[in-house]
């Protein structure tokens, strides 16, 4: 494996809050695993999360604190991942099932790969608002590389979030949401075996390395 490369109101804050978690340890994080074993560890100042083959492991950690407007960034090593495996690397914000903003990265269903004209060395990235409203945007990235995934949350004139998904410094998608800062988010890192991201139960061990997570308020 390679080694590394609160604003609580609708009004703009005059003070910038910045947090950096560089995974020397798991201070500020807690387990959020939904199924299977606690499959993560710190090594070489990276957080390694993995899922086991032939399981429905859903391995996650989340921040102990919540956040609202600002820019959220995850630096992630995305490996090859098993061909056709129903496995997903997650970098996401969660308040409830209807207030969730995601990056989900995996091999993808063959039908989706065909639609996006994916090459053999491409993986699929789904950028999703799970509700209010439900929106999903799909794109491709190269496997076996470090990537930087960011989400920018800003407020419109009505005090509602607008989310922009930014991959390696380039805006990839944006969605206007119909809720605002009353919905505060915890930050998640995960690897999960999920049916929507492939065509069969994983046949291999899939993993991701998280170099750092960063939050900066607007």
N, C-alpha and C. Protein backbone atom coordinates (compact mmCIF):
# COMPACT_ATOMS: atom_id res chain seq x y z
N UNK A 1 0.84 -1.19 0.00
CA UNK A 1 0.00 0.00 0.00
C UNK A 1 0.88 1.25 0.00
N UNK A 2 0.45 2.31 -0.68
CA UNK A 2 1.24 3.53 -0.71
C UNK A 2 1.12 4.29 0.58
N UNK A 3 2.02 5.24 0.80
CA UNK A 3 1.91 6.15 1.93
C UNK A 3 1.51 7.52 1.41
N UNK A 4 1.28 8.46 2.31
CA UNK A 4 0.71 9.74 1.94
C UNK A 4 1.53 10.61 1.02
N UNK A 5 0.95 10.76 0.36
CA UNK A 5 1.23 12.00 -0.33
C UNK A 5 0.64 13.05 0.68
N UNK A 6 -17.91 26.49 13.52
CA UNK A 6 -19.30 26.11 13.31
C UNK A 6 -20.22 27.32 13.34
N UNK A 7 -20.24 27.05 11.81
CA UNK A 7 -21.20 28.15 11.73
C UNK A 7 -22.60 27.61 12.00
N UNK A 8 -23.27 28.05 13.12
CA UNK A 8 -24.54 27.46 13.53
C UNK A 8 -25.73 28.35 13.25
N UNK A 9 -25.59 29.35 12.43
CA UNK A 9 -26.72 30.22 12.10
C UNK A 9 -26.77 30.43 10.60
N UNK A 10 -27.84 31.04 10.14
CA UNK A 10 -27.99 31.30 8.72
C UNK A 10 -27.19 32.52 8.27
N UNK A 11 -26.61 33.27 9.21
CA UNK A 11 -25.83 34.44 8.87
C UNK A 11 -24.36 34.06 8.69
N UNK A 12 -23.68 34.68 7.72
CA UNK A 12 -22.25 34.39 7.55
C UNK A 12 -21.46 34.69 8.83
N UNK A 13 -20.52 33.84 9.14
CA UNK A 13 -19.70 34.03 10.32
C UNK A 13 -18.55 34.98 10.01
N UNK A 14 -18.19 35.79 10.98
CA UNK A 14 -17.04 36.67 10.81
C UNK A 14 -15.75 36.00 11.29
N UNK A 15 -15.88 34.83 11.89
CA UNK A 15 -14.73 34.08 12.40
C UNK A 15 -14.60 32.78 11.63
N UNK A 16 -13.42 32.50 11.13
CA UNK A 16 -13.18 31.26 10.40
C UNK A 16 -12.78 30.15 11.36
N UNK A 17 -13.47 29.04 11.23
CA UNK A 17 -13.13 27.84 11.99
C UNK A 17 -12.45 26.85 11.06
N UNK A 18 -11.34 26.28 11.48
CA UNK A 18 -10.64 25.29 10.67
C UNK A 18 -10.27 24.10 11.54
N UNK A 19 -10.49 22.91 10.98
CA UNK A 19 -10.14 21.67 11.66
C UNK A 19 -9.41 20.78 10.67
N UNK A 20 -8.33 20.15 11.14
CA UNK A 20 -7.59 19.19 10.33
C UNK A 20 -7.39 17.92 11.13
N UNK A 21 -7.82 16.81 10.56
CA UNK A 21 -7.59 15.49 11.17
C UNK A 21 -6.61 14.76 10.24
N UNK A 22 -5.37 14.59 10.69
CA UNK A 22 -4.35 13.99 9.82
C UNK A 22 -4.05 12.54 10.19
N UNK A 23 -4.89 11.97 11.03
CA UNK A 23 -4.87 10.54 11.35
C UNK A 23 -3.55 10.05 11.92
N UNK A 24 -2.93 10.91 12.78
CA UNK A 24 -1.92 10.37 13.68
C UNK A 24 -2.60 9.44 14.68
N UNK A 25 -3.86 9.75 14.97
CA UNK A 25 -4.69 8.90 15.83
C UNK A 25 -6.14 9.18 15.45
N UNK A 26 -7.08 8.67 16.26
CA UNK A 26 -8.50 8.85 15.94
C UNK A 26 -9.17 9.83 16.90
N UNK A 27 -8.41 10.77 17.43
CA UNK A 27 -8.99 11.80 18.28
C UNK A 27 -10.04 12.58 17.49
N UNK A 28 -11.21 12.79 18.09
CA UNK A 28 -12.29 13.51 17.44
C UNK A 28 -13.18 12.65 16.58
N UNK A 29 -12.92 11.34 16.55
CA UNK A 29 -13.72 10.41 15.75
C UNK A 29 -14.25 9.29 16.65
N UNK A 30 -15.33 8.65 16.18
CA UNK A 30 -15.90 7.51 16.89
C UNK A 30 -16.37 6.47 15.88
N UNK A 31 -16.50 5.25 16.35
CA UNK A 31 -16.93 4.17 15.47
C UNK A 31 -18.38 4.37 15.04
N UNK A 32 -18.66 4.07 13.76
CA UNK A 32 -20.02 4.13 13.25
C UNK A 32 -20.35 2.91 12.40
N UNK A 33 -19.60 1.82 12.62
CA UNK A 33 -19.78 0.60 11.83
C UNK A 33 -21.20 0.07 11.97
N UNK A 34 -21.84 -0.23 10.83
CA UNK A 34 -23.22 -0.71 10.83
C UNK A 34 -23.32 -2.23 10.75
N UNK A 35 -22.35 -2.87 10.13
CA UNK A 35 -22.40 -4.32 9.98
C UNK A 35 -20.98 -4.87 9.87
N UNK A 36 -20.78 -6.05 10.44
CA UNK A 36 -19.47 -6.69 10.35
C UNK A 36 -18.52 -6.24 11.44
N UNK A 37 -17.25 -6.50 11.23
CA UNK A 37 -16.22 -6.20 12.21
C UNK A 37 -15.80 -4.73 12.14
N UNK A 38 -15.02 -4.32 13.14
CA UNK A 38 -14.43 -2.98 13.13
C UNK A 38 -13.15 -3.05 12.29
N UNK A 39 -13.29 -2.81 11.00
CA UNK A 39 -12.22 -3.06 10.03
C UNK A 39 -11.46 -1.78 9.70
N UNK A 40 -10.76 -1.20 10.66
CA UNK A 40 -9.94 -0.03 10.36
C UNK A 40 -8.80 0.06 11.36
N UNK A 41 -7.74 0.76 10.93
CA UNK A 41 -6.56 0.94 11.77
C UNK A 41 -5.75 2.11 11.23
N UNK A 42 -4.87 2.64 12.08
CA UNK A 42 -3.94 3.70 11.69
C UNK A 42 -2.59 3.08 11.38
N UNK A 43 -2.01 3.44 10.24
CA UNK A 43 -0.67 2.98 9.87
C UNK A 43 -0.03 4.02 8.98
N UNK A 44 1.21 4.38 9.27
CA UNK A 44 1.95 5.38 8.49
C UNK A 44 1.16 6.68 8.34
N UNK A 45 0.49 7.07 9.42
CA UNK A 45 -0.29 8.31 9.46
C UNK A 45 -1.41 8.33 8.43
N UNK A 46 -1.88 7.16 8.06
CA UNK A 46 -3.07 7.01 7.23
C UNK A 46 -4.10 6.18 7.99
N UNK A 47 -5.36 6.51 7.76
CA UNK A 47 -6.44 5.67 8.22
C UNK A 47 -6.76 4.66 7.13
N UNK A 48 -6.62 3.39 7.43
CA UNK A 48 -6.98 2.31 6.50
C UNK A 48 -8.33 1.75 6.92
N UNK A 49 -9.27 1.70 5.99
CA UNK A 49 -10.58 1.08 6.21
C UNK A 49 -10.76 0.02 5.14
N UNK A 50 -11.28 -1.14 5.53
CA UNK A 50 -11.45 -2.21 4.56
C UNK A 50 -12.73 -3.00 4.83
N UNK A 51 -13.15 -3.75 3.82
CA UNK A 51 -14.24 -4.71 3.96
C UNK A 51 -13.76 -6.08 3.50
N UNK A 52 -14.34 -7.09 4.06
CA UNK A 52 -13.94 -8.46 3.75
C UNK A 52 -14.74 -9.01 2.58
N UNK A 53 -14.14 -9.92 1.79
CA UNK A 53 -14.88 -10.54 0.70
C UNK A 53 -16.01 -11.41 1.23
N UNK A 54 -17.03 -11.58 0.39
CA UNK A 54 -18.17 -12.47 0.69
C UNK A 54 -18.87 -12.07 1.99
N UNK A 55 -18.92 -10.76 2.28
CA UNK A 55 -19.64 -10.24 3.44
C UNK A 55 -20.42 -9.01 3.00
N UNK A 56 -21.26 -8.53 3.91
CA UNK A 56 -21.92 -7.24 3.74
C UNK A 56 -21.42 -6.27 4.80
N UNK A 57 -20.09 -6.26 4.99
CA UNK A 57 -19.47 -5.33 5.92
C UNK A 57 -19.83 -3.89 5.56
N UNK A 58 -20.10 -3.08 6.60
CA UNK A 58 -20.33 -1.64 6.42
C UNK A 58 -19.52 -0.93 7.50
N UNK A 59 -18.27 -0.63 7.18
CA UNK A 59 -17.30 -0.11 8.15
C UNK A 59 -17.21 1.41 8.03
N UNK A 60 -17.39 2.11 9.16
CA UNK A 60 -17.42 3.57 9.12
C UNK A 60 -16.86 4.15 10.41
N UNK A 61 -16.34 5.38 10.29
CA UNK A 61 -16.10 6.22 11.45
C UNK A 61 -16.74 7.57 11.19
N UNK A 62 -17.03 8.33 12.27
CA UNK A 62 -17.64 9.65 12.13
C UNK A 62 -17.06 10.58 13.17
N UNK A 63 -17.14 11.88 12.88
CA UNK A 63 -16.67 12.87 13.85
C UNK A 63 -17.61 12.92 15.05
N UNK A 64 -17.06 13.30 16.18
CA UNK A 64 -17.87 13.45 17.38
C UNK A 64 -18.61 14.78 17.39
N UNK A 65 -18.17 15.73 16.58
CA UNK A 65 -18.79 17.05 16.51
C UNK A 65 -19.55 17.21 15.19
N UNK A 66 -20.44 18.21 15.15
CA UNK A 66 -21.22 18.49 13.96
C UNK A 66 -20.82 19.84 13.37
N UNK A 67 -21.11 20.00 12.06
CA UNK A 67 -20.67 21.18 11.31
C UNK A 67 -21.76 21.59 10.32
N UNK A 68 -21.67 22.84 9.85
CA UNK A 68 -22.68 23.33 8.90
C UNK A 68 -22.00 23.89 7.66
N UNK A 69 -22.14 25.20 7.40
CA UNK A 69 -21.57 25.77 6.18
C UNK A 69 -20.05 25.71 6.21
N UNK A 70 -19.46 25.57 5.03
CA UNK A 70 -18.02 25.52 4.93
C UNK A 70 -17.58 24.56 3.85
N UNK A 71 -16.29 24.28 3.85
CA UNK A 71 -15.71 23.35 2.87
C UNK A 71 -15.15 22.14 3.61
N UNK A 72 -15.56 20.97 3.15
CA UNK A 72 -15.16 19.69 3.72
C UNK A 72 -14.28 18.99 2.70
N UNK A 73 -13.12 18.48 3.13
CA UNK A 73 -12.18 17.86 2.19
C UNK A 73 -11.66 16.55 2.75
N UNK A 74 -11.63 15.54 1.87
CA UNK A 74 -11.06 14.23 2.18
C UNK A 74 -9.96 13.95 1.15
N UNK A 75 -8.78 13.54 1.62
CA UNK A 75 -7.70 13.11 0.73
C UNK A 75 -7.63 11.59 0.82
N UNK A 76 -7.91 10.91 -0.30
CA UNK A 76 -8.15 9.46 -0.26
C UNK A 76 -7.32 8.75 -1.33
N UNK A 77 -6.68 7.67 -0.93
CA UNK A 77 -6.09 6.77 -1.93
C UNK A 77 -7.16 5.78 -2.35
N UNK A 78 -7.45 5.78 -3.66
CA UNK A 78 -8.48 4.90 -4.23
C UNK A 78 -7.78 3.77 -4.98
N UNK A 79 -7.85 2.55 -4.48
CA UNK A 79 -7.13 1.45 -5.12
C UNK A 79 -7.88 0.94 -6.35
N UNK A 80 -7.45 -0.19 -6.88
CA UNK A 80 -8.09 -0.73 -8.09
C UNK A 80 -9.53 -1.15 -7.81
N UNK A 81 -9.78 -1.77 -6.68
CA UNK A 81 -11.08 -2.33 -6.28
C UNK A 81 -11.44 -3.52 -7.18
N UNK A 82 -12.18 -4.45 -6.59
CA UNK A 82 -12.50 -5.68 -7.30
C UNK A 82 -13.48 -5.45 -8.45
N UNK A 83 -13.20 -6.05 -9.59
CA UNK A 83 -14.06 -5.90 -10.77
C UNK A 83 -15.46 -6.43 -10.45
N UNK A 84 -16.45 -5.56 -10.59
CA UNK A 84 -17.84 -5.96 -10.36
C UNK A 84 -18.24 -6.04 -8.91
N UNK A 85 -17.29 -5.82 -7.99
CA UNK A 85 -17.61 -5.94 -6.56
C UNK A 85 -18.60 -4.85 -6.12
N UNK A 86 -19.55 -5.25 -5.31
CA UNK A 86 -20.50 -4.31 -4.70
C UNK A 86 -19.84 -3.69 -3.48
N UNK A 87 -18.87 -2.82 -3.72
CA UNK A 87 -18.10 -2.19 -2.64
C UNK A 87 -17.94 -0.71 -2.94
N UNK A 88 -18.01 0.11 -1.90
CA UNK A 88 -17.98 1.55 -2.08
C UNK A 88 -17.11 2.21 -1.02
N UNK A 89 -16.23 3.12 -1.46
CA UNK A 89 -15.51 4.01 -0.57
C UNK A 89 -16.37 5.25 -0.36
N UNK A 90 -16.62 5.60 0.90
CA UNK A 90 -17.49 6.72 1.20
C UNK A 90 -16.77 7.88 1.86
N UNK A 91 -17.06 9.08 1.41
CA UNK A 91 -16.65 10.33 2.06
C UNK A 91 -17.91 11.16 2.08
N UNK A 92 -18.53 11.33 3.27
CA UNK A 92 -19.86 11.91 3.24
C UNK A 92 -20.21 12.64 4.53
N UNK A 93 -21.31 13.40 4.43
CA UNK A 93 -21.86 14.18 5.54
C UNK A 93 -23.23 13.61 5.87
N UNK A 94 -23.49 13.42 7.17
CA UNK A 94 -24.75 12.77 7.55
C UNK A 94 -25.39 13.47 8.73
N UNK A 95 -26.68 13.77 8.56
CA UNK A 95 -27.53 14.24 9.64
C UNK A 95 -28.65 13.24 9.89
N UNK A 96 -29.31 12.81 8.83
CA UNK A 96 -30.36 11.79 8.87
C UNK A 96 -30.43 11.17 7.48
N UNK A 97 -31.25 10.14 7.32
CA UNK A 97 -31.34 9.50 6.01
C UNK A 97 -31.83 10.45 4.92
N UNK A 98 -32.57 11.48 5.30
CA UNK A 98 -33.08 12.45 4.34
C UNK A 98 -32.20 13.70 4.25
N UNK A 99 -31.16 13.75 5.05
CA UNK A 99 -30.23 14.89 5.07
C UNK A 99 -28.81 14.32 5.06
N UNK A 100 -28.41 13.86 3.90
CA UNK A 100 -27.11 13.18 3.72
C UNK A 100 -26.54 13.57 2.38
N UNK A 101 -25.23 13.89 2.36
CA UNK A 101 -24.53 14.30 1.15
C UNK A 101 -23.31 13.40 0.98
N UNK A 102 -23.18 12.76 -0.18
CA UNK A 102 -22.23 11.67 -0.35
C UNK A 102 -21.27 11.84 -1.51
N UNK A 103 -20.08 11.29 -1.30
CA UNK A 103 -19.25 10.71 -2.36
C UNK A 103 -19.27 9.21 -2.13
N UNK A 104 -19.62 8.44 -3.15
CA UNK A 104 -19.51 6.99 -3.11
C UNK A 104 -18.69 6.56 -4.32
N UNK A 105 -17.60 5.84 -4.07
CA UNK A 105 -16.62 5.51 -5.11
C UNK A 105 -16.48 4.00 -5.20
N UNK A 106 -16.66 3.45 -6.39
CA UNK A 106 -16.53 2.01 -6.55
C UNK A 106 -16.42 1.61 -8.01
N UNK A 107 -16.41 0.29 -8.23
CA UNK A 107 -16.31 -0.20 -9.61
C UNK A 107 -17.55 0.18 -10.41
N UNK A 108 -18.71 0.11 -9.77
CA UNK A 108 -19.95 0.48 -10.44
C UNK A 108 -20.57 -0.67 -11.19
N UNK A 109 -21.88 -0.61 -11.34
CA UNK A 109 -22.57 -1.59 -12.16
C UNK A 109 -22.13 -1.46 -13.61
N UNK A 110 -22.11 -2.56 -14.34
CA UNK A 110 -21.66 -2.52 -15.73
C UNK A 110 -22.54 -1.59 -16.56
N UNK A 111 -23.83 -1.54 -16.25
CA UNK A 111 -24.73 -0.65 -16.99
C UNK A 111 -24.31 0.81 -16.81
N UNK A 112 -23.91 1.18 -15.59
CA UNK A 112 -23.46 2.55 -15.33
C UNK A 112 -22.13 2.81 -16.03
N UNK A 113 -21.23 1.85 -15.99
CA UNK A 113 -19.94 2.00 -16.65
C UNK A 113 -20.13 2.19 -18.16
N UNK A 114 -21.06 1.45 -18.75
CA UNK A 114 -21.34 1.61 -20.18
C UNK A 114 -21.88 3.00 -20.47
N UNK A 115 -22.76 3.48 -19.61
CA UNK A 115 -23.36 4.80 -19.81
C UNK A 115 -22.32 5.90 -19.76
N UNK A 116 -21.31 5.73 -18.90
CA UNK A 116 -20.26 6.74 -18.74
C UNK A 116 -19.04 6.48 -19.63
N UNK A 117 -19.11 5.43 -20.45
CA UNK A 117 -17.97 5.06 -21.30
C UNK A 117 -16.70 4.86 -20.47
N UNK A 118 -16.83 4.16 -19.38
CA UNK A 118 -15.69 3.94 -18.47
C UNK A 118 -14.65 3.04 -19.11
N UNK A 119 -13.38 3.44 -18.95
CA UNK A 119 -12.26 2.61 -19.38
C UNK A 119 -11.93 1.60 -18.29
N UNK A 120 -11.04 0.66 -18.61
CA UNK A 120 -10.70 -0.41 -17.66
C UNK A 120 -10.11 0.15 -16.37
N UNK A 121 -9.40 1.28 -16.45
CA UNK A 121 -8.76 1.84 -15.27
C UNK A 121 -9.60 2.94 -14.60
N UNK A 122 -10.87 3.04 -14.97
CA UNK A 122 -11.78 4.00 -14.36
C UNK A 122 -12.59 3.36 -13.24
N UNK A 123 -12.87 4.14 -12.21
CA UNK A 123 -13.88 3.81 -11.22
C UNK A 123 -14.97 4.87 -11.30
N UNK A 124 -16.11 4.56 -10.72
CA UNK A 124 -17.27 5.44 -10.77
C UNK A 124 -17.39 6.20 -9.45
N UNK A 125 -17.70 7.48 -9.54
CA UNK A 125 -17.99 8.31 -8.37
C UNK A 125 -19.44 8.77 -8.47
N UNK A 126 -20.23 8.45 -7.44
CA UNK A 126 -21.60 8.95 -7.34
C UNK A 126 -21.62 10.06 -6.30
N UNK A 127 -22.13 11.21 -6.68
CA UNK A 127 -22.26 12.37 -5.79
C UNK A 127 -23.75 12.57 -5.56
N UNK A 128 -24.18 12.39 -4.32
CA UNK A 128 -25.61 12.24 -4.07
C UNK A 128 -26.08 13.09 -2.90
N UNK A 129 -27.22 13.73 -3.08
CA UNK A 129 -28.04 14.24 -1.98
C UNK A 129 -29.14 13.21 -1.77
N UNK A 130 -29.20 12.62 -0.58
CA UNK A 130 -30.12 11.51 -0.36
C UNK A 130 -31.57 11.95 -0.18
N UNK A 131 -31.80 13.25 -0.01
CA UNK A 131 -33.17 13.74 0.13
C UNK A 131 -33.19 15.25 0.20
N UNK A 132 -34.39 15.79 0.02
CA UNK A 132 -34.62 17.24 0.18
C UNK A 132 -33.75 18.14 -0.69
N UNK A 133 -33.67 17.94 -2.00
CA UNK A 133 -34.26 16.86 -2.79
C UNK A 133 -33.27 15.70 -2.99
N UNK A 134 -33.77 14.60 -3.52
CA UNK A 134 -32.87 13.50 -3.92
C UNK A 134 -32.29 13.84 -5.29
N UNK A 135 -30.97 13.89 -5.35
CA UNK A 135 -30.26 14.14 -6.61
C UNK A 135 -29.00 13.29 -6.63
N UNK A 136 -28.65 12.77 -7.80
CA UNK A 136 -27.42 11.99 -7.92
C UNK A 136 -26.72 12.36 -9.22
N UNK A 137 -25.41 12.52 -9.14
CA UNK A 137 -24.58 12.86 -10.29
C UNK A 137 -23.44 11.84 -10.32
N UNK A 138 -23.10 11.35 -11.50
CA UNK A 138 -22.07 10.32 -11.64
C UNK A 138 -20.94 10.80 -12.55
N UNK A 139 -19.72 10.42 -12.19
CA UNK A 139 -18.56 10.73 -13.02
C UNK A 139 -17.53 9.62 -12.85
N UNK A 140 -16.36 9.80 -13.46
CA UNK A 140 -15.31 8.78 -13.43
C UNK A 140 -14.04 9.37 -12.83
N UNK A 141 -13.25 8.51 -12.17
CA UNK A 141 -11.89 8.86 -11.77
C UNK A 141 -10.98 7.66 -12.07
N UNK A 142 -9.69 7.88 -12.04
CA UNK A 142 -8.74 6.81 -12.28
C UNK A 142 -8.45 6.07 -10.97
N UNK A 143 -8.36 4.77 -11.07
CA UNK A 143 -8.07 3.94 -9.90
C UNK A 143 -6.57 3.92 -9.61
N UNK A 144 -6.22 3.47 -8.42
CA UNK A 144 -4.82 3.34 -8.05
C UNK A 144 -4.13 4.67 -7.87
N UNK A 145 -4.87 5.71 -7.43
CA UNK A 145 -4.30 7.05 -7.27
C UNK A 145 -4.88 7.73 -6.04
N UNK A 146 -4.15 8.76 -5.57
CA UNK A 146 -4.69 9.66 -4.56
C UNK A 146 -5.61 10.67 -5.23
N UNK A 147 -6.73 10.95 -4.59
CA UNK A 147 -7.68 11.95 -5.08
C UNK A 147 -8.13 12.82 -3.90
N UNK A 148 -8.47 14.06 -4.22
CA UNK A 148 -8.98 14.99 -3.22
C UNK A 148 -10.45 15.28 -3.53
N UNK A 149 -11.29 14.95 -2.57
CA UNK A 149 -12.74 15.13 -2.71
C UNK A 149 -13.18 16.22 -1.73
N UNK A 150 -13.86 17.24 -2.24
CA UNK A 150 -14.36 18.31 -1.38
C UNK A 150 -15.85 18.52 -1.60
N UNK A 151 -16.51 18.99 -0.56
CA UNK A 151 -17.88 19.50 -0.66
C UNK A 151 -17.88 20.89 -0.08
N UNK A 152 -18.50 21.81 -0.81
CA UNK A 152 -18.64 23.18 -0.34
C UNK A 152 -20.12 23.44 -0.06
N UNK A 153 -20.42 23.83 1.16
CA UNK A 153 -21.79 24.17 1.55
C UNK A 153 -21.89 25.66 1.79
N UNK A 154 -22.72 26.33 0.99
CA UNK A 154 -22.99 27.74 1.18
C UNK A 154 -24.50 27.95 1.30
N UNK A 155 -24.90 29.13 1.78
CA UNK A 155 -26.31 29.44 1.95
C UNK A 155 -26.78 30.38 0.85
N UNK A 156 -27.99 30.12 0.34
CA UNK A 156 -28.58 31.07 -0.61
C UNK A 156 -29.29 32.19 0.16
N UNK A 157 -29.97 33.07 -0.55
CA UNK A 157 -30.61 34.22 0.08
C UNK A 157 -31.75 33.82 1.00
N UNK A 158 -32.23 32.58 0.85
CA UNK A 158 -33.31 32.06 1.72
C UNK A 158 -32.77 31.25 2.88
N UNK A 159 -31.45 31.22 3.04
CA UNK A 159 -30.86 30.47 4.15
C UNK A 159 -30.84 28.97 3.94
N UNK A 160 -30.87 28.52 2.67
CA UNK A 160 -30.83 27.09 2.36
C UNK A 160 -29.45 26.73 1.80
N UNK A 161 -28.99 25.52 2.14
CA UNK A 161 -27.70 25.06 1.64
C UNK A 161 -27.70 24.91 0.12
N UNK A 162 -26.59 25.25 -0.49
CA UNK A 162 -26.25 24.81 -1.84
C UNK A 162 -24.96 24.03 -1.73
N UNK A 163 -24.93 22.82 -2.27
CA UNK A 163 -23.75 21.98 -2.16
C UNK A 163 -23.06 21.88 -3.52
N UNK A 164 -21.74 22.02 -3.50
CA UNK A 164 -20.91 21.79 -4.68
C UNK A 164 -19.95 20.67 -4.37
N UNK A 165 -19.87 19.70 -5.28
CA UNK A 165 -18.91 18.59 -5.16
C UNK A 165 -17.70 18.94 -6.04
N UNK A 166 -16.52 18.88 -5.47
CA UNK A 166 -15.29 19.31 -6.14
C UNK A 166 -14.28 18.17 -6.05
N UNK A 167 -13.81 17.69 -7.20
CA UNK A 167 -12.87 16.57 -7.26
C UNK A 167 -11.55 17.07 -7.83
N UNK A 168 -10.48 16.93 -7.06
CA UNK A 168 -9.14 17.36 -7.49
C UNK A 168 -9.16 18.81 -7.98
N UNK A 169 -9.89 19.65 -7.25
CA UNK A 169 -9.90 21.08 -7.54
C UNK A 169 -10.86 21.52 -8.63
N UNK A 170 -11.58 20.57 -9.24
CA UNK A 170 -12.52 20.89 -10.32
C UNK A 170 -13.95 20.60 -9.88
N UNK A 171 -14.84 21.60 -10.05
CA UNK A 171 -16.23 21.37 -9.67
C UNK A 171 -16.83 20.31 -10.57
N UNK A 172 -17.45 19.30 -9.95
CA UNK A 172 -18.02 18.18 -10.69
C UNK A 172 -19.54 18.21 -10.74
N UNK A 173 -20.18 18.82 -9.71
CA UNK A 173 -21.64 18.85 -9.67
C UNK A 173 -22.06 19.85 -8.60
N UNK A 174 -23.33 20.28 -8.68
CA UNK A 174 -23.88 21.17 -7.67
C UNK A 174 -25.37 20.91 -7.54
N UNK A 175 -25.92 21.11 -6.36
CA UNK A 175 -27.35 20.92 -6.11
C UNK A 175 -27.82 21.93 -5.06
N UNK A 176 -28.96 22.56 -5.33
CA UNK A 176 -29.61 23.41 -4.35
C UNK A 176 -30.47 22.55 -3.43
N UNK A 177 -30.25 22.66 -2.12
CA UNK A 177 -31.00 21.88 -1.15
C UNK A 177 -32.13 22.73 -0.58
N UNK A 178 -33.12 22.08 0.03
CA UNK A 178 -34.24 22.84 0.57
C UNK A 178 -34.24 22.88 2.10
N UNK A 179 -33.04 22.77 2.69
CA UNK A 179 -32.88 22.92 4.13
C UNK A 179 -31.58 23.67 4.41
N UNK A 180 -31.46 24.15 5.64
CA UNK A 180 -30.32 24.97 6.01
C UNK A 180 -29.64 24.50 7.27
N UNK A 181 -29.09 25.44 8.04
CA UNK A 181 -28.16 25.12 9.12
C UNK A 181 -28.81 24.50 10.36
N UNK A 182 -30.15 24.39 10.40
CA UNK A 182 -30.74 23.61 11.48
C UNK A 182 -30.33 22.14 11.37
N UNK A 183 -29.97 21.72 10.16
CA UNK A 183 -29.45 20.37 9.92
C UNK A 183 -27.94 20.42 9.91
N UNK A 184 -27.34 19.94 11.01
CA UNK A 184 -25.88 19.93 11.16
C UNK A 184 -25.37 18.52 10.87
N UNK A 185 -24.16 18.46 10.34
CA UNK A 185 -23.63 17.20 9.84
C UNK A 185 -22.45 16.68 10.65
N UNK A 186 -22.40 15.36 10.79
CA UNK A 186 -21.16 14.71 11.17
C UNK A 186 -20.45 14.28 9.88
N UNK A 187 -19.12 14.22 9.95
CA UNK A 187 -18.29 13.86 8.80
C UNK A 187 -17.96 12.37 8.91
N UNK A 188 -18.07 11.65 7.80
CA UNK A 188 -17.85 10.21 7.78
C UNK A 188 -16.75 9.82 6.80
N UNK A 189 -16.03 8.75 7.16
CA UNK A 189 -15.15 8.01 6.26
C UNK A 189 -15.60 6.56 6.31
N UNK A 190 -15.66 5.89 5.17
CA UNK A 190 -16.19 4.53 5.19
C UNK A 190 -15.69 3.71 4.02
N UNK A 191 -15.78 2.41 4.18
CA UNK A 191 -15.79 1.46 3.07
C UNK A 191 -16.92 0.49 3.39
N UNK A 192 -17.84 0.33 2.44
CA UNK A 192 -19.02 -0.49 2.67
C UNK A 192 -19.27 -1.38 1.46
N UNK A 193 -19.74 -2.57 1.72
CA UNK A 193 -20.19 -3.46 0.66
C UNK A 193 -21.67 -3.18 0.41
N UNK A 194 -21.95 -2.46 -0.68
CA UNK A 194 -23.29 -1.95 -0.97
C UNK A 194 -23.73 -2.40 -2.36
N UNK A 195 -24.97 -2.81 -2.48
CA UNK A 195 -25.44 -3.45 -3.71
C UNK A 195 -25.46 -2.52 -4.92
N UNK A 196 -25.63 -1.22 -4.72
CA UNK A 196 -25.79 -0.33 -5.87
C UNK A 196 -24.48 -0.06 -6.59
N UNK A 197 -23.33 -0.43 -6.01
CA UNK A 197 -22.04 -0.04 -6.58
C UNK A 197 -21.33 -1.18 -7.28
N UNK A 198 -22.04 -2.20 -7.71
CA UNK A 198 -21.41 -3.30 -8.43
C UNK A 198 -22.45 -4.30 -8.88
N UNK A 199 -21.97 -5.47 -9.33
CA UNK A 199 -22.87 -6.50 -9.88
C UNK A 199 -22.88 -7.80 -9.11
N UNK A 200 -22.00 -7.94 -8.09
CA UNK A 200 -22.00 -9.17 -7.29
C UNK A 200 -21.40 -8.90 -5.92
N UNK A 201 -21.69 -9.77 -4.98
CA UNK A 201 -21.09 -9.65 -3.66
C UNK A 201 -19.57 -9.62 -3.80
N UNK A 202 -18.87 -8.77 -3.06
CA UNK A 202 -17.43 -8.64 -3.26
C UNK A 202 -16.68 -9.97 -3.16
N UNK A 203 -15.82 -10.17 -4.13
CA UNK A 203 -14.99 -11.38 -4.15
C UNK A 203 -13.60 -11.12 -3.59
N UNK A 204 -13.27 -9.84 -3.35
CA UNK A 204 -11.94 -9.48 -2.87
C UNK A 204 -12.07 -8.58 -1.64
N UNK A 205 -10.97 -8.40 -0.94
CA UNK A 205 -10.88 -7.41 0.13
C UNK A 205 -10.71 -6.04 -0.52
N UNK A 206 -11.61 -5.13 -0.23
CA UNK A 206 -11.52 -3.77 -0.76
C UNK A 206 -11.17 -2.82 0.37
N UNK A 207 -10.44 -1.75 0.05
CA UNK A 207 -9.96 -0.85 1.10
C UNK A 207 -9.81 0.56 0.55
N UNK A 208 -9.58 1.48 1.44
CA UNK A 208 -9.19 2.85 1.08
C UNK A 208 -8.25 3.37 2.15
N UNK A 209 -7.39 4.30 1.78
CA UNK A 209 -6.52 5.01 2.71
C UNK A 209 -6.98 6.46 2.78
N UNK A 210 -7.17 6.97 3.98
CA UNK A 210 -7.52 8.37 4.19
C UNK A 210 -6.30 9.08 4.78
N UNK A 211 -5.74 10.01 4.01
CA UNK A 211 -4.57 10.77 4.43
C UNK A 211 -4.98 11.82 5.44
N UNK A 212 -6.03 12.57 5.12
CA UNK A 212 -6.54 13.57 6.06
C UNK A 212 -7.98 13.91 5.72
N UNK A 213 -8.66 14.50 6.68
CA UNK A 213 -9.96 15.14 6.50
C UNK A 213 -9.83 16.55 7.03
N UNK A 214 -10.44 17.50 6.34
CA UNK A 214 -10.30 18.91 6.72
C UNK A 214 -11.65 19.59 6.61
N UNK A 215 -11.92 20.48 7.56
CA UNK A 215 -13.11 21.34 7.51
C UNK A 215 -12.68 22.78 7.70
N UNK A 216 -13.26 23.67 6.89
CA UNK A 216 -13.03 25.10 7.02
C UNK A 216 -14.35 25.83 6.85
N UNK A 217 -14.73 26.63 7.81
CA UNK A 217 -15.99 27.36 7.71
C UNK A 217 -15.87 28.48 6.70
N UNK A 218 -17.02 28.94 6.19
CA UNK A 218 -17.03 30.04 5.21
C UNK A 218 -16.67 31.36 5.89
